């Protein structure tokens, strides 16, 4: 299945993210990177062009593995010195183990049933699972034109995704895991919500 143009070009991908987040562009990455200690092992699901690694985690000497279904993004990561693997997260294949298993702005790709992905993340994580997910989305706009544009340009290769999280629906999604949630907060000017789960419980 073909992907949206932004998923075929790392530069276009980053330009769109910068445009969407504006002055909060760096804040969204810093919030996640701050939770990963120096020297930790990390598996990053749907890593995209691995901006989190190249600009924020590489300097912390982490053992980083990025998983993405886009071979161009994986190739870019490998050239930057990280370990990348082409991976289809809709399969039931167990994830590589790491101290921290994280995902940023991609959980919506697995709606309406994202629970199996989170369960596999918790199984793979030795310490924590970190998820930062948009809760303010152009694709869920009441404006039909904006919504259509948002949906059309976020096809990572598994079809147009009509579903998005809002803050209430994301909170509802994590409610069955509340005994493992050790942190939750809005980040990036309220555009994303961060959840940290203890994988040892």
C-alpha atoms as a PDB file:
ATOM      1  CA  UNK A   1       0.000   0.000   0.000  1.00  0.00           C
ATOM      2  CA  UNK A   2       1.365   3.438  -0.917  1.00  0.00           C
ATOM      3  CA  UNK A   3       2.317   5.932   1.755  1.00  0.00           C
ATOM      4  CA  UNK A   4       1.651   9.660   2.025  1.00  0.00           C
ATOM      5  CA  UNK A   5       4.305  11.896   0.504  1.00  0.00           C
ATOM      6  CA  UNK A   6       5.670  12.968   3.883  1.00  0.00           C
ATOM      7  CA  UNK A   7       6.460   9.355   4.757  1.00  0.00           C
ATOM      8  CA  UNK A   8       8.557   9.019   1.616  1.00  0.00           C
ATOM      9  CA  UNK A   9      10.866  11.912   2.426  1.00  0.00           C
ATOM     10  CA  UNK A  10      12.496  12.573   5.809  1.00  0.00           C
ATOM     11  CA  UNK A  11      12.950  16.290   5.077  1.00  0.00           C
ATOM     12  CA  UNK A  12       9.285  16.794   4.223  1.00  0.00           C
ATOM     13  CA  UNK A  13       8.321  14.799   7.314  1.00  0.00           C
ATOM     14  CA  UNK A  14      10.387  17.053   9.577  1.00  0.00           C
ATOM     15  CA  UNK A  15       9.127  20.224   7.899  1.00  0.00           C
ATOM     16  CA  UNK A  16       5.525  19.177   8.503  1.00  0.00           C
ATOM     17  CA  UNK A  17       6.209  18.329  12.146  1.00  0.00           C
ATOM     18  CA  UNK A  18       7.924  21.678  12.626  1.00  0.00           C
ATOM     19  CA  UNK A  19       4.966  23.461  11.034  1.00  0.00           C
ATOM     20  CA  UNK A  20       2.437  21.595  13.194  1.00  0.00           C
ATOM     21  CA  UNK A  21       4.245  22.127  16.484  1.00  0.00           C
ATOM     22  CA  UNK A  22       5.798  25.538  15.858  1.00  0.00           C
ATOM     23  CA  UNK A  23       7.690  26.791  18.902  1.00  0.00           C
ATOM     24  CA  UNK A  24       6.921  23.527  20.720  1.00  0.00           C
ATOM     25  CA  UNK A  25       8.800  21.405  18.172  1.00  0.00           C
ATOM     26  CA  UNK A  26      11.875  20.851  20.351  1.00  0.00           C
ATOM     27  CA  UNK A  27       9.864  20.682  23.579  1.00  0.00           C
ATOM     28  CA  UNK A  28       8.049  17.524  22.467  1.00  0.00           C
ATOM     29  CA  UNK A  29      11.334  15.678  21.943  1.00  0.00           C
ATOM     30  CA  UNK A  30      13.012  17.052  25.044  1.00  0.00           C
ATOM     31  CA  UNK A  31      10.141  15.899  27.253  1.00  0.00           C
ATOM     32  CA  UNK A  32      10.615  12.300  26.128  1.00  0.00           C
ATOM     33  CA  UNK A  33      14.427  12.370  26.043  1.00  0.00           C
ATOM     34  CA  UNK A  34      14.552  13.688  29.624  1.00  0.00           C
ATOM     35  CA  UNK A  35      12.982  10.439  30.833  1.00  0.00           C
ATOM     36  CA  UNK A  36      15.749   8.240  29.372  1.00  0.00           C
ATOM     37  CA  UNK A  37      18.920   7.954  31.490  1.00  0.00           C
ATOM     38  CA  UNK A  38      22.419   7.967  30.034  1.00  0.00           C
ATOM     39  CA  UNK A  39      23.508   4.560  28.781  1.00  0.00           C
ATOM     40  CA  UNK A  40      20.025   3.008  28.835  1.00  0.00           C
ATOM     41  CA  UNK A  41      18.783   0.665  26.141  1.00  0.00           C
ATOM     42  CA  UNK A  42      15.880   2.030  24.099  1.00  0.00           C
ATOM     43  CA  UNK A  43      13.476   0.625  21.542  1.00  0.00           C
ATOM     44  CA  UNK A  44      11.620   3.376  19.677  1.00  0.00           C
ATOM     45  CA  UNK A  45       8.476   2.223  17.859  1.00  0.00           C
ATOM     46  CA  UNK A  46       7.459   4.038  14.670  1.00  0.00           C
ATOM     47  CA  UNK A  47      10.710   5.973  14.957  1.00  0.00           C
ATOM     48  CA  UNK A  48      10.302   7.884  11.689  1.00  0.00           C
ATOM     49  CA  UNK A  49      13.538   9.612  10.615  1.00  0.00           C
ATOM     50  CA  UNK A  50      14.816   9.077  14.200  1.00  0.00           C
ATOM     51  CA  UNK A  51      15.021  12.749  15.163  1.00  0.00           C
ATOM     52  CA  UNK A  52      14.663  11.755  18.816  1.00  0.00           C
ATOM     53  CA  UNK A  53      17.836   9.696  18.539  1.00  0.00           C
ATOM     54  CA  UNK A  54      19.987  11.907  16.331  1.00  0.00           C
ATOM     55  CA  UNK A  55      19.318  15.168  18.182  1.00  0.00           C
ATOM     56  CA  UNK A  56      18.513  14.140  21.743  1.00  0.00           C
ATOM     57  CA  UNK A  57      19.451  10.576  22.697  1.00  0.00           C
ATOM     58  CA  UNK A  58      22.685   9.910  20.818  1.00  0.00           C
ATOM     59  CA  UNK A  59      24.544  12.328  23.096  1.00  0.00           C
ATOM     60  CA  UNK A  60      23.375  10.244  26.068  1.00  0.00           C
ATOM     61  CA  UNK A  61      25.174   7.159  24.718  1.00  0.00           C
ATOM     62  CA  UNK A  62      22.028   5.061  24.694  1.00  0.00           C
ATOM     63  CA  UNK A  63      21.801   1.643  23.056  1.00  0.00           C
ATOM     64  CA  UNK A  64      19.110   2.658  20.565  1.00  0.00           C
ATOM     65  CA  UNK A  65      16.996   0.533  18.236  1.00  0.00           C
ATOM     66  CA  UNK A  66      14.415   2.225  16.034  1.00  0.00           C
ATOM     67  CA  UNK A  67      11.583   0.244  14.463  1.00  0.00           C
ATOM     68  CA  UNK A  68       9.637   1.544  11.482  1.00  0.00           C
ATOM     69  CA  UNK A  69       7.885   0.050   8.469  1.00  0.00           C
ATOM     70  CA  UNK A  70       9.523   2.688   6.241  1.00  0.00           C
ATOM     71  CA  UNK A  71      12.846   1.394   4.920  1.00  0.00           C
ATOM     72  CA  UNK A  72      13.955   4.933   3.982  1.00  0.00           C
ATOM     73  CA  UNK A  73      13.652   6.082   7.592  1.00  0.00           C
ATOM     74  CA  UNK A  74      15.416   2.954   8.828  1.00  0.00           C
ATOM     75  CA  UNK A  75      18.247   3.545   6.348  1.00  0.00           C
ATOM     76  CA  UNK A  76      18.633   7.143   7.538  1.00  0.00           C
ATOM     77  CA  UNK A  77      18.845   5.967  11.142  1.00  0.00           C
ATOM     78  CA  UNK A  78      21.465   3.335  10.324  1.00  0.00           C
ATOM     79  CA  UNK A  79      23.616   5.930   8.545  1.00  0.00           C
ATOM     80  CA  UNK A  80      23.369   8.127  11.644  1.00  0.00           C
ATOM     81  CA  UNK A  81      24.878   5.367  13.799  1.00  0.00           C
ATOM     82  CA  UNK A  82      21.756   3.888  15.352  1.00  0.00           C
ATOM     83  CA  UNK A  83      20.340   0.433  14.878  1.00  0.00           C
ATOM     84  CA  UNK A  84      17.264   0.383  12.679  1.00  0.00           C
ATOM     85  CA  UNK A  85      14.911  -2.431  11.760  1.00  0.00           C
ATOM     86  CA  UNK A  86      12.069  -2.518   9.250  1.00  0.00           C
ATOM     87  CA  UNK A  87       9.131  -3.704  11.346  1.00  0.00           C
ATOM     88  CA  UNK A  88       5.390  -4.105  10.908  1.00  0.00           C
ATOM     89  CA  UNK A  89       3.852  -3.418  14.296  1.00  0.00           C
ATOM     90  CA  UNK A  90       0.473  -4.777  13.259  1.00  0.00           C
ATOM     91  CA  UNK A  91       1.976  -8.256  13.437  1.00  0.00           C
ATOM     92  CA  UNK A  92       2.009 -10.172  16.719  1.00  0.00           C
ATOM     93  CA  UNK A  93       5.783 -10.644  16.600  1.00  0.00           C
ATOM     94  CA  UNK A  94       7.351  -9.924  20.027  1.00  0.00           C
ATOM     95  CA  UNK A  95       9.261  -6.657  20.212  1.00  0.00           C
ATOM     96  CA  UNK A  96      12.986  -6.484  20.983  1.00  0.00           C
ATOM     97  CA  UNK A  97      13.608  -6.053  24.713  1.00  0.00           C
ATOM     98  CA  UNK A  98      15.032  -2.843  26.155  1.00  0.00           C
ATOM     99  CA  UNK A  99      15.064  -0.852  29.382  1.00  0.00           C
ATOM    100  CA  UNK A 100      12.747   1.733  27.846  1.00  0.00           C
ATOM    101  CA  UNK A 101      10.249   1.092  25.056  1.00  0.00           C
ATOM    102  CA  UNK A 102       8.725   4.253  23.662  1.00  0.00           C
ATOM    103  CA  UNK A 103       6.430   5.617  20.993  1.00  0.00           C
ATOM    104  CA  UNK A 104       5.803   9.208  20.019  1.00  0.00           C
ATOM    105  CA  UNK A 105       2.781  10.430  18.069  1.00  0.00           C
ATOM    106  CA  UNK A 106       1.984   7.057  16.500  1.00  0.00           C
ATOM    107  CA  UNK A 107      -0.409   5.138  18.731  1.00  0.00           C
ATOM    108  CA  UNK A 108      -3.371   6.403  16.700  1.00  0.00           C
ATOM    109  CA  UNK A 109      -2.146   4.328  13.737  1.00  0.00           C
ATOM    110  CA  UNK A 110      -3.393   1.253  15.584  1.00  0.00           C
ATOM    111  CA  UNK A 111      -6.886   2.499  16.387  1.00  0.00           C
ATOM    112  CA  UNK A 112      -9.564   1.420  16.913  1.00  0.00           C
ATOM    113  CA  UNK A 113      -7.736  -1.347  18.812  1.00  0.00           C
ATOM    114  CA  UNK A 114      -4.324  -0.256  20.061  1.00  0.00           C
ATOM    115  CA  UNK A 115      -4.269  -2.391  23.207  1.00  0.00           C
ATOM    116  CA  UNK A 116      -2.215  -5.267  21.717  1.00  0.00           C
ATOM    117  CA  UNK A 117       0.566  -2.834  20.794  1.00  0.00           C
ATOM    118  CA  UNK A 118       0.752  -1.425  24.317  1.00  0.00           C
ATOM    119  CA  UNK A 119       0.711  -4.924  25.799  1.00  0.00           C
ATOM    120  CA  UNK A 120       3.660  -5.928  23.621  1.00  0.00           C
ATOM    121  CA  UNK A 121       5.492  -2.771  24.666  1.00  0.00           C
ATOM    122  CA  UNK A 122       5.013  -3.622  28.340  1.00  0.00           C
ATOM    123  CA  UNK A 123       6.248  -7.158  27.747  1.00  0.00           C
ATOM    124  CA  UNK A 124       9.397  -5.890  25.984  1.00  0.00           C
ATOM    125  CA  UNK A 125      10.259  -3.126  28.481  1.00  0.00           C
ATOM    126  CA  UNK A 126      12.502  -3.998  31.411  1.00  0.00           C
ATOM    127  CA  UNK A 127      11.811  -0.689  33.169  1.00  0.00           C
ATOM    128  CA  UNK A 128       9.321   1.686  31.573  1.00  0.00           C
ATOM    129  CA  UNK A 129       7.065   2.310  28.615  1.00  0.00           C
ATOM    130  CA  UNK A 130       6.896   5.928  27.446  1.00  0.00           C
ATOM    131  CA  UNK A 131       4.125   7.109  25.124  1.00  0.00           C
ATOM    132  CA  UNK A 132       3.544  10.673  23.962  1.00  0.00           C
ATOM    133  CA  UNK A 133       0.423  10.976  21.842  1.00  0.00           C
ATOM    134  CA  UNK A 134      -1.212  13.989  20.134  1.00  0.00           C
ATOM    135  CA  UNK A 135      -4.519  15.002  21.694  1.00  0.00           C
ATOM    136  CA  UNK A 136      -5.082  18.046  19.479  1.00  0.00           C
ATOM    137  CA  UNK A 137      -5.250  16.910  15.869  1.00  0.00           C
ATOM    138  CA  UNK A 138      -5.982  18.543  12.534  1.00  0.00           C
ATOM    139  CA  UNK A 139      -7.341  15.202  11.291  1.00  0.00           C
ATOM    140  CA  UNK A 140     -10.198  15.312  13.803  1.00  0.00           C
ATOM    141  CA  UNK A 141     -11.122  18.906  13.028  1.00  0.00           C
ATOM    142  CA  UNK A 142     -14.782  19.800  12.572  1.00  0.00           C
ATOM    143  CA  UNK A 143     -13.681  21.475   9.349  1.00  0.00           C
ATOM    144  CA  UNK A 144     -14.060  18.776   6.678  1.00  0.00           C
ATOM    145  CA  UNK A 145     -11.290  20.173   4.489  1.00  0.00           C
ATOM    146  CA  UNK A 146      -8.745  20.320   7.326  1.00  0.00           C
ATOM    147  CA  UNK A 147      -9.753  16.868   8.519  1.00  0.00           C
ATOM    148  CA  UNK A 148      -9.363  15.390   5.031  1.00  0.00           C
ATOM    149  CA  UNK A 149      -5.908  16.951   4.634  1.00  0.00           C
ATOM    150  CA  UNK A 150      -4.826  15.703   8.049  1.00  0.00           C
ATOM    151  CA  UNK A 151      -5.971  12.170   7.319  1.00  0.00           C
ATOM    152  CA  UNK A 152      -4.582  12.059   3.792  1.00  0.00           C
ATOM    153  CA  UNK A 153      -1.078  13.123   4.809  1.00  0.00           C
ATOM    154  CA  UNK A 154      -0.753  10.726   7.740  1.00  0.00           C
ATOM    155  CA  UNK A 155      -0.915   7.454   5.845  1.00  0.00           C
ATOM    156  CA  UNK A 156       2.231   5.594   6.886  1.00  0.00           C
ATOM    157  CA  UNK A 157       1.426   2.692   4.590  1.00  0.00           C
ATOM    158  CA  UNK A 158      -1.480   1.027   6.347  1.00  0.00           C
ATOM    159  CA  UNK A 159      -4.274   3.181   4.961  1.00  0.00           C
ATOM    160  CA  UNK A 160      -5.868   6.485   5.881  1.00  0.00           C
ATOM    161  CA  UNK A 161      -6.406   6.746   9.627  1.00  0.00           C
ATOM    162  CA  UNK A 162      -9.711   8.433  10.422  1.00  0.00           C
ATOM    163  CA  UNK A 163      -9.406   7.930  14.178  1.00  0.00           C
ATOM    164  CA  UNK A 164      -7.450  10.158  16.556  1.00  0.00           C
ATOM    165  CA  UNK A 165      -7.190  10.460  20.315  1.00  0.00           C
ATOM    166  CA  UNK A 166      -8.510  13.385  22.301  1.00  0.00           C
ATOM    167  CA  UNK A 167      -7.332  13.849  25.864  1.00  0.00           C
ATOM    168  CA  UNK A 168     -10.473  12.161  27.318  1.00  0.00           C
ATOM    169  CA  UNK A 169     -10.275   9.184  24.943  1.00  0.00           C
ATOM    170  CA  UNK A 170      -6.535   8.762  25.587  1.00  0.00           C
ATOM    171  CA  UNK A 171      -7.176   8.821  29.340  1.00  0.00           C
ATOM    172  CA  UNK A 172      -9.890   6.203  28.825  1.00  0.00           C
ATOM    173  CA  UNK A 173      -7.453   4.057  26.847  1.00  0.00           C
ATOM    174  CA  UNK A 174      -4.929   4.054  29.699  1.00  0.00           C
ATOM    175  CA  UNK A 175      -7.474   3.555  32.488  1.00  0.00           C
ATOM    176  CA  UNK A 176      -7.089  -0.278  32.559  1.00  0.00           C
ATOM    177  CA  UNK A 177      -3.357   0.313  33.136  1.00  0.00           C
ATOM    178  CA  UNK A 178      -3.736   2.889  35.916  1.00  0.00           C
ATOM    179  CA  UNK A 179      -1.897   0.709  38.441  1.00  0.00           C
ATOM    180  CA  UNK A 180       1.180   0.943  36.198  1.00  0.00           C
ATOM    181  CA  UNK A 181       0.937   4.627  35.283  1.00  0.00           C
ATOM    182  CA  UNK A 182       3.619   6.557  37.173  1.00  0.00           C
ATOM    183  CA  UNK A 183       3.343   9.824  35.282  1.00  0.00           C
ATOM    184  CA  UNK A 184       0.951  11.628  32.971  1.00  0.00           C
ATOM    185  CA  UNK A 185       1.071  15.209  31.763  1.00  0.00           C
ATOM    186  CA  UNK A 186       0.392  17.453  28.808  1.00  0.00           C
ATOM    187  CA  UNK A 187       3.485  18.465  26.852  1.00  0.00           C
ATOM    188  CA  UNK A 188       4.310  20.535  23.763  1.00  0.00           C
ATOM    189  CA  UNK A 189       1.899  23.318  24.667  1.00  0.00           C
ATOM    190  CA  UNK A 190      -0.898  20.845  25.298  1.00  0.00           C
ATOM    191  CA  UNK A 191      -0.655  19.260  21.857  1.00  0.00           C
ATOM    192  CA  UNK A 192       0.519  15.897  23.203  1.00  0.00           C
ATOM    193  CA  UNK A 193      -0.087  13.933  26.369  1.00  0.00           C
ATOM    194  CA  UNK A 194       2.745  11.961  27.924  1.00  0.00           C
ATOM    195  CA  UNK A 195       2.171   8.686  29.730  1.00  0.00           C
ATOM    196  CA  UNK A 196       4.881   6.726  31.565  1.00  0.00           C
ATOM    197  CA  UNK A 197       4.129   3.180  32.703  1.00  0.00           C
ATOM    198  CA  UNK A 198       6.120   0.964  35.062  1.00  0.00           C
ATOM    199  CA  UNK A 199       6.760  -2.277  33.206  1.00  0.00           C
ATOM    200  CA  UNK A 200       7.958  -4.119  36.328  1.00  0.00           C
ATOM    201  CA  UNK A 201       4.528  -4.238  37.944  1.00  0.00           C
END
